[in-house]
Amino acid sequence: MKKIVIAIDGYSACGKSSTAKQVASRLGYTFIDSGAMYRAVTLYLLNENVNLENINQVEDHLDQIEITFEDTSILLNGKNVDTEIRTKAVNENVSAVSAISAVRRKMVAQQQTIGKNKGVVMDGRDIGTIVFPNAELKVFMIAEMGIRAKRRRKELLEKGIDEPLESITRNLQERDEVDSTRIDSPLVKAEDAIEIDTTNITLEEQIVQIEELAKEKINEN
């Protein structure tokens, strides 16, 4: 059976990762959370007390960072950091780190290597525009801010992190601004992407919707 690349882009807390993970599972594909990769880089730089405004310092540390995946967990230099990458400190700095060209070049190269044989579902902000511009299926997910903030708070609480809704909303707004206006690989909808508004649909509904779109592409001659 033909394998394809599925690129899922969109704003934070629209359900990209949860949806992509399940779509990959149902299709027998590999799931790659590109956002988690940038979070892992951010975590490393923060732990090393790197001045994020000093581009030279950041670049000097990139060769010391190895990011791999084990099932759906992300490993930073061999250590599982699924929980650490969701802290407030990482939330507040990941967009700034993601905007650094050297960081993006390193991550994009890794992502393209992972997906070169297809059979992958990758979510992020520039997957359909930069990482895999020729992806057979591109999806762009949106949702109302209030819903996004509540979803992110629920996700954090499940990880034992209690952050006020107001703080989460402010962080999402700031990330939207940085991600959409950065010079290198900004968050934009690809011209051939299918937009899905997840405000009023369940996680299962959005999974099924993308799964059906994927099967149509897989079965095309």
Protein backbone atom coordinates (compact mmCIF):
# COMPACT_ATOMS: atom_id res chain seq x y z
CA MET A 1 0.00 0.00 0.00
CA LYS A 2 1.23 3.47 -0.89
CA LYS A 3 2.62 5.53 2.00
CA ILE A 4 2.19 9.29 2.28
CA VAL A 5 3.34 12.20 4.43
CA ILE A 6 0.67 13.90 6.52
CA ALA A 7 1.54 17.43 7.65
CA ILE A 8 -0.61 18.94 10.41
CA ASP A 9 0.04 22.60 11.16
CA GLY A 10 -1.78 25.20 13.22
CA TYR A 11 -1.87 27.16 16.43
CA SER A 12 -0.98 25.86 19.89
CA ALA A 13 -3.63 23.91 21.79
CA CYS A 14 -5.83 23.22 18.77
CA GLY A 15 -5.39 19.48 19.22
CA LYS A 16 -2.61 18.96 16.68
CA SER A 17 -0.45 16.54 18.63
CA SER A 18 -3.29 14.51 20.13
CA THR A 19 -4.90 14.16 16.72
CA ALA A 20 -1.66 13.43 14.86
CA LYS A 21 -0.68 10.76 17.40
CA GLN A 22 -3.98 8.89 16.97
CA VAL A 23 -4.07 9.24 13.19
CA ALA A 24 -0.55 7.79 13.02
CA SER A 25 -1.54 4.91 15.30
CA ARG A 26 -4.60 4.03 13.25
CA LEU A 27 -2.70 4.14 9.97
CA GLY A 28 0.35 2.32 11.32
CA TYR A 29 2.46 5.43 10.64
CA THR A 30 5.25 7.07 12.64
CA PHE A 31 4.19 10.10 14.70
CA ILE A 32 6.64 12.97 15.01
CA ASP A 33 5.85 15.86 17.37
CA SER A 34 7.99 18.67 15.93
CA GLY A 35 6.87 21.07 18.66
CA ALA A 36 8.28 18.71 21.27
CA MET A 37 11.62 18.82 19.46
CA TYR A 38 11.78 22.62 19.80
CA ARG A 39 10.70 22.32 23.42
CA ALA A 40 13.51 19.86 24.07
CA VAL A 41 16.05 22.27 22.59
CA THR A 42 14.61 25.05 24.77
CA LEU A 43 14.80 22.86 27.87
CA TYR A 44 18.45 22.04 27.20
CA LEU A 45 19.41 25.67 26.67
CA LEU A 46 17.60 26.76 29.84
CA ASN A 47 19.23 23.98 31.88
CA GLU A 48 22.63 25.09 30.60
CA ASN A 49 21.86 28.74 31.49
CA VAL A 50 22.45 29.83 27.89
CA ASN A 51 21.57 33.45 27.14
CA LEU A 52 18.81 32.96 24.56
CA GLU A 53 19.43 36.44 23.17
CA ASN A 54 23.05 35.55 22.41
CA ILE A 55 22.77 33.71 19.09
CA ASN A 56 26.43 32.66 19.15
CA GLN A 57 25.96 31.00 22.55
CA VAL A 58 22.90 29.16 21.31
CA GLU A 59 24.66 27.97 18.16
CA ASP A 60 27.66 26.76 20.19
CA HIS A 61 25.39 24.40 22.14
CA LEU A 62 23.40 22.91 19.27
CA ASP A 63 25.93 20.19 18.49
CA GLN A 64 25.56 18.94 22.07
CA ILE A 65 21.86 18.25 21.58
CA GLU A 66 20.57 14.88 20.39
CA ILE A 67 16.83 14.42 20.07
CA THR A 68 15.30 11.01 19.45
CA PHE A 69 11.92 9.36 19.85
CA GLU A 70 11.01 6.15 21.65
CA ASP A 71 7.47 5.17 20.75
CA THR A 72 5.67 8.49 21.37
CA SER A 73 8.11 9.76 24.01
CA ILE A 74 10.83 12.29 23.29
CA LEU A 75 14.37 11.77 24.53
CA LEU A 76 16.88 14.57 25.05
CA ASN A 77 20.40 13.14 25.01
CA GLY A 78 18.91 9.77 25.91
CA LYS A 79 16.66 11.00 28.75
CA ASN A 80 12.86 11.00 28.62
CA VAL A 81 11.75 14.64 28.96
CA ASP A 82 8.02 14.33 28.23
CA THR A 83 7.14 16.15 31.46
CA GLU A 84 10.02 18.63 31.66
CA ILE A 85 9.28 20.14 28.24
CA ARG A 86 5.80 21.21 29.41
CA THR A 87 6.93 23.50 32.24
CA LYS A 88 6.06 27.18 32.40
CA ALA A 89 9.66 28.18 31.74
CA VAL A 90 9.75 26.19 28.51
CA ASN A 91 6.31 27.51 27.50
CA GLU A 92 7.52 31.08 27.91
CA ASN A 93 10.73 30.62 25.91
CA VAL A 94 10.03 28.03 23.21
CA SER A 95 8.75 30.52 20.61
CA ALA A 96 11.87 32.68 20.98
CA VAL A 97 14.12 29.63 20.60
CA SER A 98 12.07 28.37 17.65
CA ALA A 99 12.59 31.70 15.88
CA ILE A 100 16.39 31.26 15.85
CA SER A 101 17.43 30.29 12.31
CA ALA A 102 20.20 27.92 13.38
CA VAL A 103 17.78 26.02 15.63
CA ARG A 104 15.21 25.74 12.85
CA ARG A 105 17.78 24.52 10.34
CA LYS A 106 18.90 21.76 12.72
CA MET A 107 15.37 20.65 13.53
CA VAL A 108 14.10 20.82 9.94
CA ALA A 109 17.02 18.68 8.76
CA GLN A 110 16.25 16.07 11.44
CA GLN A 111 12.54 16.10 10.59
CA GLN A 112 13.19 15.66 6.87
CA THR A 113 15.51 12.74 7.58
CA ILE A 114 12.87 11.06 9.74
CA GLY A 115 10.21 11.49 7.06
CA LYS A 116 12.20 10.72 3.92
CA ASN A 117 10.68 7.24 3.58
CA LYS A 118 7.14 8.58 4.14
CA GLY A 119 4.60 6.84 6.34
CA VAL A 120 4.76 9.69 8.86
CA VAL A 121 2.36 12.08 10.53
CA MET A 122 4.13 15.22 11.68
CA ASP A 123 2.59 18.19 13.42
CA GLY A 124 3.98 21.67 13.95
CA ARG A 125 3.86 25.13 12.45
CA ASP A 126 5.87 24.88 9.25
CA ILE A 127 5.52 21.24 8.28
CA GLY A 128 3.41 21.78 5.18
CA THR A 129 5.25 24.93 4.11
CA ILE A 130 8.93 24.27 4.92
CA VAL A 131 9.62 20.75 6.18
CA PHE A 132 7.43 18.82 3.73
CA PRO A 133 6.12 21.26 1.09
CA ASN A 134 5.26 18.25 -1.11
CA ALA A 135 3.31 16.37 1.56
CA GLU A 136 0.36 14.51 0.05
CA LEU A 137 -1.99 15.70 2.80
CA LYS A 138 -1.73 19.05 4.56
CA VAL A 139 -4.06 20.10 7.37
CA PHE A 140 -4.20 23.46 9.16
CA MET A 141 -5.96 23.46 12.52
CA ILE A 142 -7.52 26.45 14.25
CA ALA A 143 -9.74 27.00 17.31
CA GLU A 144 -11.09 29.87 19.39
CA MET A 145 -8.66 31.22 22.00
CA GLY A 146 -10.92 30.49 24.99
CA ILE A 147 -11.21 26.84 24.01
CA ARG A 148 -7.48 26.56 23.35
CA ALA A 149 -6.61 27.97 26.78
CA LYS A 150 -8.97 25.56 28.56
CA ARG A 151 -7.53 22.62 26.64
CA ARG A 152 -3.97 23.61 27.50
CA ARG A 153 -4.86 24.04 31.19
CA LYS A 154 -6.46 20.56 31.24
CA GLU A 155 -3.35 19.11 29.59
CA LEU A 156 -1.08 20.77 32.15
CA LEU A 157 -3.21 19.66 35.10
CA GLU A 158 -2.98 16.07 33.87
CA LYS A 159 0.80 16.46 34.08
CA GLY A 160 0.58 17.90 37.60
CA ILE A 161 1.15 21.51 36.53
CA ASP A 162 -1.38 24.02 37.92
CA GLU A 163 -1.16 27.24 35.92
CA PRO A 164 -3.85 29.99 35.98
CA LEU A 165 -6.08 30.23 32.90
CA GLU A 166 -5.16 33.91 32.47
CA SER A 167 -1.47 33.08 32.34
CA ILE A 168 -2.06 30.32 29.81
CA THR A 169 -4.15 32.61 27.60
CA ARG A 170 -1.48 35.31 27.67
CA ASN A 171 1.21 32.78 26.80
CA LEU A 172 -0.80 31.43 23.85
CA GLN A 173 -1.42 34.95 22.55
CA GLU A 174 2.28 35.78 22.78
CA ARG A 175 3.24 32.54 21.05
CA ASP A 176 0.77 33.24 18.23
CA GLU A 177 2.36 36.63 17.68
CA VAL A 178 5.94 35.37 17.70
CA ASP A 179 5.21 32.29 15.59
CA SER A 180 3.24 34.22 12.97
CA THR A 181 5.67 37.12 12.58
CA ARG A 182 9.09 35.46 12.76
CA ILE A 183 11.24 35.86 9.66
CA ASP A 184 12.33 32.22 9.43
CA SER A 185 9.52 29.72 8.73
CA PRO A 186 6.56 31.70 10.09
CA LEU A 187 3.29 30.02 11.02
CA VAL A 188 1.15 30.32 7.89
CA LYS A 189 -1.42 28.12 6.23
CA ALA A 190 -0.12 26.39 3.12
CA GLU A 191 -2.12 27.24 0.01
CA ASP A 192 -3.13 23.61 -0.47
CA ALA A 193 -3.87 22.86 3.20
CA ILE A 194 -7.33 21.84 4.39
CA GLU A 195 -8.45 24.00 7.31
CA ILE A 196 -10.17 22.31 10.24
CA ASP A 197 -11.74 24.38 13.04
CA THR A 198 -11.68 22.24 16.19
CA THR A 199 -13.59 24.69 18.41
CA ASN A 200 -16.84 22.74 18.42
CA ILE A 201 -15.82 19.21 17.50
CA THR A 202 -14.52 16.40 19.67
CA LEU A 203 -11.04 14.93 19.48
CA GLU A 204 -12.49 11.74 18.00
CA GLU A 205 -14.30 13.72 15.30
CA GLN A 206 -11.14 15.50 14.21
CA ILE A 207 -9.17 12.25 14.23
CA VAL A 208 -11.75 10.53 12.02
CA GLN A 209 -11.92 13.51 9.68
CA ILE A 210 -8.17 13.50 9.04
CA GLU A 211 -8.01 9.71 8.90
CA GLU A 212 -10.61 9.70 6.13
CA LEU A 213 -8.77 12.42 4.21
CA ALA A 214 -5.57 10.39 4.52
CA LYS A 215 -7.20 7.20 3.24
CA GLU A 216 -8.50 9.09 0.21
CA LYS A 217 -4.95 10.22 -0.58
CA ILE A 218 -3.51 6.75 0.04
CA ASN A 219 -6.02 5.16 -2.31
CA GLU A 220 -5.49 7.66 -5.13
CA ASN A 221 -3.85 6.23 -8.24
